[in-house]
Amino acid sequence: MTVIDTAPSAKDSTNEPPIPSGDWSPAKKVLFRFTFTYTALFCLTFAQITFVFLGPAGSLLPDSAILWQLKALAPALEWLGRNVFGVDAILDVHSGSGDQMAIWIYLFLMVVVALVVAALWSILDRRRPGYARLWTWTALFLRLALGGQMLFYGFAKLIPSQMGPPPLAALLEPFGDFSPASVLWLQVGSSPVYEMLLGSVEVLGGLLLFWTRTATLGAIISLIAMVQVFILNMTFDVPVKILSFHLVVFSLILLAPNVRNLLELFVFGQATKPLTPTALFRRTSFNRWAVGMQVVLGVWVAIGAAQISWTGYQEYGAGAPKPELYGIWSVQDFRVDGTLRPPLTTDEKRWQRIIFDIGGATTLQMMDGALVPVPADIADETLQMQQPLASLVIERPDDDTLVLSGEVDATPTSIVAHRMDHDALTLRSRGFNWVQEAPFFR
């Protein structure tokens, strides 16, 4: 039952839907004032929550535009960190972490502001019996904020761009060298179908939140999905703990008025009475328009989220174009000044493998197994590197042979490498099997 559905029908659209009777307790009013202030501050200033509502237009803005609110507050947060907490709280807009020290300090600042505002509000407005209509607006605001994030992250998995397939260099990395976050990312990215199923649940929850009739179901699905995400972020040390925790809290706030009904239905197996929340507007026709506008907004946000994910999938996901030299190349012959360098693990200059991946990513594997990402560019059949400084002419006697000749660190160097069949590695070749006579763990 929804705000509009529970309002009495009338031919006259000016009829005002009733406001549920009953005064709020003092504790409930104080809690609402704090919740209203804190969630408003968080949603209006925390990075991507507002950005997703730009929909397809968001792709026209630079990536840095997502963090414009925090960038504006960065000097104040840095000052607070240095003078109040004695820490460096320098916001790095390029790090990709949502758990930076500056953001934790900002959370503290929001809590303090919300407490002060709630206290002053409670003193100045202590005679008000309740905030029924303002609660309806607050719930709508949180519902849209939660729905936008569910669609944003959901489409990033449904169109698998958040966790792409393991990079070629990762196939050569010892498992013990991965961080917990990398293990999670590679595990999900190794199974695109699993990632897409995860995303479909989040997208479903997000879409349901944009329609009043299905909002409660959307909040339940979102709560289940976000609790899982929050647990993974906590146990695998993924730096999105702050945002995922708040999305869990938003889901709980939205479900709070329905707790009794949900318990009666799912725990005690009893019939429930429909809720009669206060309408957004006094005019019934305005409320009907509000429902339609929420649906239109949901479609707009969904299109924008899908567009962003599709662009990412095409640029750096599995749909990205592969370079001509894509693959892992094992170095068979390495000569410096015409002298053959044997493949000794103690040789700090010789290369063991060269990896060319999508997006221009180039990695050198040294003889001791270390994987070194290098800035590289290929143009006019020449490979240019910066570290080490190299200019090597490319020759391809056949599809599986690569010959590089030129200079590395101002020294004449020639390299012969053969393409390794990375698809023969167990992670990529094992596939799915209905029949297994024994567990296959390697």
Protein backbone atom coordinates (compact mmCIF):
# COMPACT_ATOMS: atom_id res chain seq x y z
CA MET A 1 0.00 0.00 0.00
CA THR A 2 1.43 3.38 -0.92
CA VAL A 3 1.05 7.04 -0.23
CA ILE A 4 -1.22 7.49 -3.22
CA ASP A 5 -3.01 4.18 -2.99
CA THR A 6 -4.09 4.75 0.61
CA ALA A 7 -5.41 8.26 -0.02
CA PRO A 8 -9.21 8.34 -0.38
CA SER A 9 -10.37 8.55 -3.95
CA ALA A 10 -12.41 11.56 -4.96
CA LYS A 11 -13.51 13.12 -8.14
CA ASP A 12 -12.39 16.48 -6.87
CA SER A 13 -8.58 16.50 -7.13
CA THR A 14 -8.40 19.26 -4.54
CA ASN A 15 -9.54 16.90 -1.74
CA GLU A 16 -6.81 16.61 0.85
CA PRO A 17 -5.66 13.13 1.86
CA PRO A 18 -5.93 12.64 5.61
CA ILE A 19 -3.00 12.96 7.96
CA PRO A 20 -2.73 10.01 10.37
CA SER A 21 -3.65 11.03 13.88
CA GLY A 22 -1.40 10.61 16.89
CA ASP A 23 1.37 12.70 18.40
CA TRP A 24 4.97 11.58 18.17
CA SER A 25 6.90 10.85 21.35
CA PRO A 26 9.68 13.31 22.27
CA ALA A 27 12.34 10.67 21.58
CA LYS A 28 10.88 9.89 18.16
CA LYS A 29 10.86 13.58 17.24
CA VAL A 30 14.49 14.08 18.31
CA LEU A 31 15.57 10.96 16.43
CA PHE A 32 13.77 12.15 13.31
CA ARG A 33 15.37 15.59 13.47
CA PHE A 34 18.84 14.07 13.67
CA THR A 35 18.09 11.52 10.94
CA PHE A 36 16.64 14.16 8.64
CA THR A 37 19.61 16.49 9.06
CA TYR A 38 22.33 13.84 8.81
CA THR A 39 20.92 11.98 5.81
CA ALA A 40 20.28 15.24 3.97
CA LEU A 41 23.88 16.34 4.54
CA PHE A 42 25.26 12.95 3.52
CA CYS A 43 23.20 12.50 0.37
CA LEU A 44 23.61 16.05 -0.90
CA THR A 45 27.36 16.18 -0.41
CA PHE A 46 28.65 12.61 -0.73
CA ALA A 47 30.14 12.24 -4.19
CA GLN A 48 28.15 10.08 -6.58
CA ILE A 49 24.77 10.01 -4.80
CA THR A 50 23.65 13.20 -6.50
CA PHE A 51 25.73 12.59 -9.64
CA VAL A 52 23.67 9.59 -10.78
CA PHE A 53 20.58 11.78 -11.17
CA LEU A 54 22.25 13.54 -14.08
CA GLY A 55 21.45 10.35 -15.99
CA PRO A 56 22.89 10.21 -19.52
CA ALA A 57 24.00 13.86 -19.18
CA GLY A 58 26.55 12.75 -16.59
CA SER A 59 28.73 11.24 -19.32
CA LEU A 60 29.31 14.76 -20.67
CA LEU A 61 31.09 15.82 -17.49
CA PRO A 62 34.70 15.00 -16.54
CA ASP A 63 35.27 12.21 -14.02
CA SER A 64 36.43 14.74 -11.44
CA ALA A 65 32.98 16.33 -11.45
CA ILE A 66 31.66 13.43 -9.37
CA LEU A 67 33.64 14.67 -6.36
CA TRP A 68 32.96 18.38 -6.66
CA GLN A 69 31.30 18.61 -3.22
CA LEU A 70 34.19 16.98 -1.38
CA LYS A 71 36.74 18.92 -3.41
CA ALA A 72 35.09 22.15 -2.27
CA LEU A 73 35.28 20.98 1.36
CA ALA A 74 38.83 19.59 1.10
CA PRO A 75 40.63 22.64 2.62
CA ALA A 76 38.34 22.62 5.67
CA LEU A 77 38.75 18.87 6.12
CA GLU A 78 42.53 19.16 5.84
CA TRP A 79 42.51 21.89 8.50
CA LEU A 80 40.33 19.82 10.82
CA GLY A 81 42.53 16.78 10.36
CA ARG A 82 45.70 18.68 11.13
CA ASN A 83 44.46 20.87 14.02
CA VAL A 84 41.82 18.69 15.70
CA PHE A 85 42.85 15.08 15.02
CA GLY A 86 46.57 15.55 14.38
CA VAL A 87 46.50 13.59 11.10
CA ASP A 88 47.03 14.34 7.43
CA ALA A 89 43.60 14.44 5.81
CA ILE A 90 44.47 15.32 2.23
CA LEU A 91 41.72 14.30 -0.18
CA ASP A 92 43.02 12.38 -3.18
CA VAL A 93 40.37 12.67 -5.89
CA HIS A 94 42.18 10.14 -8.08
CA SER A 95 42.64 7.32 -5.56
CA GLY A 96 39.25 5.68 -6.07
CA SER A 97 38.91 5.11 -2.31
CA GLY A 98 35.75 6.15 -0.50
CA ASP A 99 37.32 5.52 2.91
CA GLN A 100 40.04 8.17 2.93
CA MET A 101 40.93 9.93 6.17
CA ALA A 102 39.41 13.16 4.84
CA ILE A 103 36.06 11.41 4.31
CA TRP A 104 36.08 9.91 7.81
CA ILE A 105 36.69 13.37 9.21
CA TYR A 106 33.84 14.67 7.07
CA LEU A 107 31.53 12.03 8.59
CA PHE A 108 32.52 13.23 12.05
CA LEU A 109 31.78 16.80 11.00
CA MET A 110 28.35 15.81 9.67
CA VAL A 111 27.48 14.00 12.90
CA VAL A 112 28.43 17.07 14.94
CA VAL A 113 26.42 19.39 12.70
CA ALA A 114 23.42 17.04 12.78
CA LEU A 115 23.55 16.85 16.58
CA VAL A 116 23.69 20.63 16.91
CA VAL A 117 20.89 21.17 14.40
CA ALA A 118 18.73 18.50 16.06
CA ALA A 119 19.27 20.10 19.47
CA LEU A 120 18.39 23.60 18.27
CA TRP A 121 15.46 22.28 16.26
CA SER A 122 14.15 20.43 19.32
CA ILE A 123 14.28 23.62 21.40
CA LEU A 124 12.74 25.94 18.82
CA ASP A 125 10.08 23.51 17.57
CA ARG A 126 9.37 21.54 20.74
CA ARG A 127 5.58 22.10 20.62
CA ARG A 128 5.06 20.45 17.23
CA PRO A 129 3.14 17.16 17.66
CA GLY A 130 4.97 15.37 14.84
CA TYR A 131 6.46 15.45 11.36
CA ALA A 132 4.21 13.11 9.39
CA ARG A 133 4.41 14.94 6.08
CA LEU A 134 8.10 15.79 6.40
CA TRP A 135 8.78 12.12 7.14
CA THR A 136 7.03 11.20 3.88
CA TRP A 137 9.31 13.59 2.00
CA THR A 138 12.37 12.27 3.86
CA ALA A 139 11.46 8.68 3.00
CA LEU A 140 11.02 9.66 -0.64
CA PHE A 141 14.41 11.39 -0.63
CA LEU A 142 16.17 8.36 0.89
CA ARG A 143 14.31 5.98 -1.40
CA LEU A 144 15.50 7.82 -4.50
CA ALA A 145 19.07 8.13 -3.15
CA LEU A 146 19.19 4.40 -2.40
CA GLY A 147 17.57 3.50 -5.70
CA GLY A 148 20.08 5.59 -7.64
CA GLN A 149 23.02 3.81 -6.03
CA MET A 150 21.47 0.39 -6.54
CA LEU A 151 21.08 1.14 -10.25
CA PHE A 152 24.58 2.63 -10.52
CA TYR A 153 26.35 -0.35 -8.97
CA GLY A 154 23.85 -2.87 -10.30
CA PHE A 155 24.38 -1.96 -13.94
CA ALA A 156 28.16 -1.94 -13.34
CA LYS A 157 27.81 -5.67 -12.63
CA LEU A 158 24.93 -6.50 -14.98
CA ILE A 159 27.07 -5.04 -17.78
CA PRO A 160 30.27 -6.49 -16.29
CA SER A 161 32.53 -3.49 -16.01
CA GLN A 162 33.03 -3.13 -12.25
CA MET A 163 34.95 -6.40 -11.94
CA GLY A 164 36.48 -7.24 -15.30
CA PRO A 165 38.17 -10.53 -16.19
CA PRO A 166 41.57 -11.04 -14.54
CA PRO A 167 44.28 -9.03 -16.36
CA LEU A 168 46.90 -11.12 -18.11
CA ALA A 169 49.56 -10.03 -15.62
CA ALA A 170 47.37 -11.28 -12.77
CA LEU A 171 47.52 -14.78 -14.26
CA LEU A 172 51.26 -14.79 -13.52
CA GLU A 173 51.06 -13.26 -10.04
CA PRO A 174 51.59 -15.58 -7.02
CA PHE A 175 48.29 -15.87 -5.13
CA GLY A 176 49.91 -14.86 -1.86
CA ASP A 177 50.90 -11.50 -3.33
CA PHE A 178 47.30 -10.42 -3.93
CA SER A 179 45.54 -8.13 -1.51
CA PRO A 180 42.19 -9.35 -0.11
CA ALA A 181 40.40 -6.77 -2.28
CA SER A 182 42.16 -8.04 -5.39
CA VAL A 183 41.21 -11.62 -4.54
CA LEU A 184 37.54 -10.59 -4.34
CA TRP A 185 37.70 -8.58 -7.57
CA LEU A 186 39.43 -11.35 -9.51
CA GLN A 187 37.12 -14.02 -8.11
CA VAL A 188 33.99 -12.19 -9.23
CA GLY A 189 35.56 -11.11 -12.52
CA SER A 190 36.49 -14.71 -13.29
CA SER A 191 32.79 -15.55 -13.57
CA PRO A 192 30.93 -12.92 -15.64
CA VAL A 193 27.64 -14.82 -15.25
CA TYR A 194 27.92 -14.67 -11.45
CA GLU A 195 28.73 -10.96 -11.63
CA MET A 196 25.74 -10.33 -13.89
CA LEU A 197 23.42 -12.21 -11.53
CA LEU A 198 24.64 -10.08 -8.63
CA GLY A 199 24.01 -6.98 -10.70
CA SER A 200 20.53 -8.09 -11.73
CA VAL A 201 19.48 -8.29 -8.07
CA GLU A 202 20.77 -4.78 -7.40
CA VAL A 203 19.12 -3.40 -10.54
CA LEU A 204 15.81 -5.05 -9.58
CA GLY A 205 15.95 -3.51 -6.11
CA GLY A 206 16.79 -0.11 -7.56
CA LEU A 207 13.98 -0.14 -10.12
CA LEU A 208 11.39 -1.20 -7.53
CA LEU A 209 12.39 1.72 -5.30
CA PHE A 210 11.31 4.22 -7.94
CA TRP A 211 7.67 3.14 -7.81
CA THR A 212 5.67 3.74 -4.64
CA ARG A 213 3.66 0.51 -4.91
CA THR A 214 6.81 -1.65 -4.95
CA ALA A 215 9.05 0.53 -2.77
CA THR A 216 8.90 -1.77 0.27
CA LEU A 217 9.86 -4.80 -1.80
CA GLY A 218 12.66 -2.75 -3.35
CA ALA A 219 13.93 -1.78 0.10
CA ILE A 220 13.93 -5.44 1.22
CA ILE A 221 15.90 -6.55 -1.86
CA SER A 222 18.28 -3.60 -1.46
CA LEU A 223 18.85 -4.42 2.20
CA ILE A 224 19.75 -8.03 1.41
CA ALA A 225 22.06 -7.00 -1.44
CA MET A 226 23.74 -4.21 0.52
CA VAL A 227 24.29 -6.30 3.64
CA GLN A 228 26.20 -8.77 1.47
CA VAL A 229 28.19 -5.96 -0.17
CA PHE A 230 28.99 -4.38 3.21
CA ILE A 231 30.17 -7.71 4.64
CA LEU A 232 32.41 -8.27 1.60
CA ASN A 233 33.81 -4.74 1.89
CA MET A 234 34.58 -5.30 5.56
CA THR A 235 36.07 -8.78 5.22
CA PHE A 236 38.03 -8.14 2.01
CA ASP A 237 39.08 -4.59 2.93
CA VAL A 238 37.38 -2.92 -0.04
CA PRO A 239 37.49 0.88 0.42
CA VAL A 240 33.75 1.46 -0.04
CA LYS A 241 32.84 0.67 3.57
CA ILE A 242 31.38 4.09 4.36
CA LEU A 243 29.00 4.22 1.42
CA SER A 244 27.87 0.58 1.65
CA PHE A 245 27.18 0.97 5.38
CA HIS A 246 25.03 4.02 4.73
CA LEU A 247 23.08 2.22 2.02
CA VAL A 248 22.32 -0.54 4.53
CA VAL A 249 21.14 2.10 7.01
CA PHE A 250 18.99 3.80 4.37
CA SER A 251 17.30 0.47 3.63
CA LEU A 252 16.61 -0.06 7.33
CA ILE A 253 15.18 3.45 7.74
CA LEU A 254 12.82 2.87 4.82
CA LEU A 255 11.70 -0.47 6.26
CA ALA A 256 11.33 0.78 9.83
CA PRO A 257 7.61 1.73 9.52
CA ASN A 258 6.91 -1.74 8.07
CA VAL A 259 8.74 -3.81 10.68
CA ARG A 260 5.59 -4.78 12.56
CA ASN A 261 3.73 -5.76 9.40
CA LEU A 262 6.71 -7.74 8.11
CA LEU A 263 7.04 -9.64 11.40
CA GLU A 264 3.32 -10.43 11.49
CA LEU A 265 3.39 -11.66 7.89
CA PHE A 266 6.68 -13.59 7.71
CA VAL A 267 7.22 -14.65 11.34
CA PHE A 268 3.75 -15.05 12.85
CA GLY A 269 1.88 -15.81 9.63
CA GLN A 270 -0.85 -13.29 10.39
CA ALA A 271 -2.73 -10.88 8.17
CA THR A 272 -1.39 -7.32 8.23
CA LYS A 273 -3.12 -3.99 8.15
CA PRO A 274 -2.13 -1.58 5.38
CA LEU A 275 -0.14 1.48 6.38
CA THR A 276 -1.65 4.89 5.76
CA PRO A 277 1.29 7.29 5.37
CA THR A 278 0.79 10.99 4.88
CA ALA A 279 0.65 12.11 1.27
CA LEU A 280 3.38 14.28 -0.22
CA PHE A 281 0.95 17.00 -1.25
CA ARG A 282 -2.44 18.20 -0.10
CA ARG A 283 -3.86 17.88 -3.61
CA THR A 284 -4.50 14.33 -4.82
CA SER A 285 -3.72 15.23 -8.42
CA PHE A 286 -0.25 16.42 -7.37
CA ASN A 287 0.36 13.10 -5.65
CA ARG A 288 -0.52 11.21 -8.81
CA TRP A 289 1.89 13.38 -10.77
CA ALA A 290 4.56 12.70 -8.14
CA VAL A 291 4.24 8.95 -8.69
CA GLY A 292 4.66 9.37 -12.42
CA MET A 293 7.66 11.67 -12.00
CA GLN A 294 9.39 9.10 -9.77
CA VAL A 295 8.98 6.44 -12.45
CA VAL A 296 10.32 8.78 -15.14
CA LEU A 297 13.27 9.67 -12.89
CA GLY A 298 13.99 5.99 -12.33
CA VAL A 299 14.08 5.33 -16.08
CA TRP A 300 16.35 8.36 -16.57
CA VAL A 301 18.79 7.20 -13.88
CA ALA A 302 18.73 3.62 -15.21
CA ILE A 303 19.60 4.79 -18.72
CA GLY A 304 22.47 6.88 -17.38
CA ALA A 305 23.82 4.05 -15.23
CA ALA A 306 23.58 1.59 -18.13
CA GLN A 307 25.33 4.04 -20.43
CA ILE A 308 28.21 4.54 -17.99
CA SER A 309 28.61 0.79 -17.52
CA TRP A 310 28.46 0.06 -21.24
CA THR A 311 31.12 2.70 -21.89
CA GLY A 312 33.33 1.15 -19.22
CA TYR A 313 32.75 -2.33 -20.63
CA GLN A 314 33.85 -1.12 -24.07
CA GLU A 315 36.84 0.86 -22.81
CA TYR A 316 38.42 -1.33 -20.11
CA GLY A 317 36.17 -4.36 -19.65
CA ALA A 318 35.89 -7.59 -21.58
CA GLY A 319 34.43 -5.67 -24.54
CA ALA A 320 37.48 -3.46 -24.97
CA PRO A 321 39.43 -3.92 -28.21
CA LYS A 322 42.56 -6.03 -27.86
CA PRO A 323 45.86 -4.61 -29.13
CA GLU A 324 47.66 -6.38 -31.97
CA LEU A 325 50.30 -7.77 -29.58
CA TYR A 326 47.72 -8.80 -26.96
CA GLY A 327 49.00 -11.73 -24.94
CA ILE A 328 51.82 -13.06 -22.79
CA TRP A 329 55.15 -13.36 -24.60
CA SER A 330 57.88 -15.60 -23.17
CA VAL A 331 61.38 -14.32 -23.91
CA GLN A 332 63.52 -17.07 -25.43
CA ASP A 333 66.51 -15.01 -26.59
CA PHE A 334 67.78 -11.82 -24.91
CA ARG A 335 70.98 -10.21 -26.22
CA VAL A 336 72.71 -7.06 -25.03
CA ASP A 337 75.50 -5.67 -27.24
CA GLY A 338 75.30 -8.92 -29.18
CA THR A 339 75.98 -11.03 -26.06
CA LEU A 340 73.41 -13.66 -25.13
CA ARG A 341 72.05 -13.27 -21.59
CA PRO A 342 71.10 -16.72 -20.24
CA PRO A 343 67.81 -16.98 -18.25
CA LEU A 344 69.30 -16.68 -14.76
CA THR A 345 67.06 -15.63 -11.87
CA THR A 346 69.91 -13.46 -10.60
CA ASP A 347 69.96 -11.34 -13.79
CA GLU A 348 68.37 -7.99 -12.90
CA LYS A 349 68.28 -6.73 -16.50
CA ARG A 350 66.99 -9.67 -18.50
CA TRP A 351 63.25 -9.96 -19.14
CA GLN A 352 61.40 -13.23 -18.57
CA ARG A 353 58.08 -12.24 -20.17
CA ILE A 354 56.38 -9.26 -21.83
CA ILE A 355 52.63 -8.81 -21.34
CA PHE A 356 50.49 -6.63 -23.60
CA ASP A 357 46.94 -6.15 -22.33
CA ILE A 358 43.86 -4.13 -23.21
CA GLY A 359 43.94 -0.37 -22.75
CA GLY A 360 47.62 -0.20 -23.63
CA ALA A 361 48.70 -1.84 -20.35
CA THR A 362 52.23 -3.24 -20.68
CA THR A 363 54.01 -5.28 -18.02
CA LEU A 364 57.51 -6.73 -17.85
CA GLN A 365 58.14 -9.84 -15.82
CA MET A 366 61.73 -9.89 -14.66
CA MET A 367 63.80 -13.02 -14.09
CA ASP A 368 63.03 -13.05 -10.35
CA GLY A 369 59.31 -13.14 -11.17
CA ALA A 370 58.61 -9.50 -10.32
CA LEU A 371 55.91 -7.91 -12.47
CA VAL A 372 56.72 -4.33 -13.41
CA PRO A 373 54.07 -2.16 -15.13
CA VAL A 374 55.77 0.13 -17.64
CA PRO A 375 54.50 3.18 -19.56
CA ALA A 376 54.64 2.08 -23.20
CA ASP A 377 53.35 3.11 -26.58
CA ILE A 378 53.32 1.35 -29.93
CA ALA A 379 53.37 3.42 -33.10
CA ASP A 380 54.84 2.88 -36.58
CA GLU A 381 55.91 -0.66 -35.67
CA THR A 382 58.05 0.67 -32.82
CA LEU A 383 57.70 -0.01 -29.10
CA GLN A 384 58.57 3.01 -26.96
CA MET A 385 59.08 2.66 -23.20
CA GLN A 386 59.93 5.22 -20.55
CA GLN A 387 61.08 3.03 -17.66
CA PRO A 388 63.28 1.40 -18.77
CA LEU A 389 63.98 3.87 -21.54
CA ALA A 390 63.62 1.81 -24.70
CA SER A 391 62.97 2.18 -28.40
CA LEU A 392 62.51 -1.20 -30.08
CA VAL A 393 61.50 -1.98 -33.66
CA ILE A 394 58.81 -4.66 -33.87
CA GLU A 395 59.06 -7.59 -36.29
CA ARG A 396 56.60 -10.49 -36.58
CA PRO A 397 58.07 -13.48 -38.47
CA ASP A 398 54.81 -15.27 -37.66
CA ASP A 399 51.76 -14.76 -35.43
CA ASP A 400 53.37 -16.42 -32.43
CA THR A 401 56.85 -14.91 -32.67
CA LEU A 402 57.88 -11.40 -31.66
CA VAL A 403 61.29 -9.88 -32.45
CA LEU A 404 62.31 -6.59 -30.83
CA SER A 405 65.51 -4.80 -31.77
CA GLY A 406 66.85 -1.41 -30.82
CA GLU A 407 68.10 0.15 -27.57
CA VAL A 408 67.22 -0.38 -23.91
CA ASP A 409 68.75 2.19 -21.58
CA ALA A 410 71.00 3.36 -24.45
CA THR A 411 72.37 -0.17 -24.97
CA PRO A 412 71.85 -2.17 -28.21
CA THR A 413 69.39 -4.93 -27.39
CA SER A 414 67.60 -7.67 -29.32
CA ILE A 415 64.80 -9.86 -27.98
CA VAL A 416 63.01 -12.88 -29.40
CA ALA A 417 59.80 -13.93 -27.67
CA HIS A 418 57.08 -16.49 -28.35
CA ARG A 419 53.40 -16.12 -27.55
CA MET A 420 52.26 -18.13 -24.54
CA ASP A 421 48.83 -19.79 -24.73
CA HIS A 422 47.28 -18.07 -21.72
CA ASP A 423 43.92 -19.67 -22.48
CA ALA A 424 45.50 -23.01 -21.57
CA LEU A 425 45.91 -21.89 -17.96
CA THR A 426 43.54 -23.73 -15.62
CA LEU A 427 41.56 -20.65 -14.59
CA ARG A 428 40.65 -19.95 -18.21
CA SER A 429 40.39 -23.50 -19.55
CA ARG A 430 38.61 -25.43 -16.79
CA GLY A 431 35.11 -24.22 -17.63
CA PHE A 432 31.88 -25.73 -16.30
CA ASN A 433 31.26 -29.44 -15.79
CA TRP A 434 27.97 -31.12 -14.90
CA VAL A 435 29.74 -34.41 -14.19
CA GLN A 436 32.72 -34.43 -11.80
CA GLU A 437 33.98 -37.70 -10.41
CA ALA A 438 36.03 -35.82 -7.83
CA PRO A 439 36.40 -32.21 -6.68
CA PHE A 440 38.82 -30.26 -8.85
CA PHE A 441 40.89 -27.94 -6.66
CA ARG A 442 44.21 -26.61 -7.84
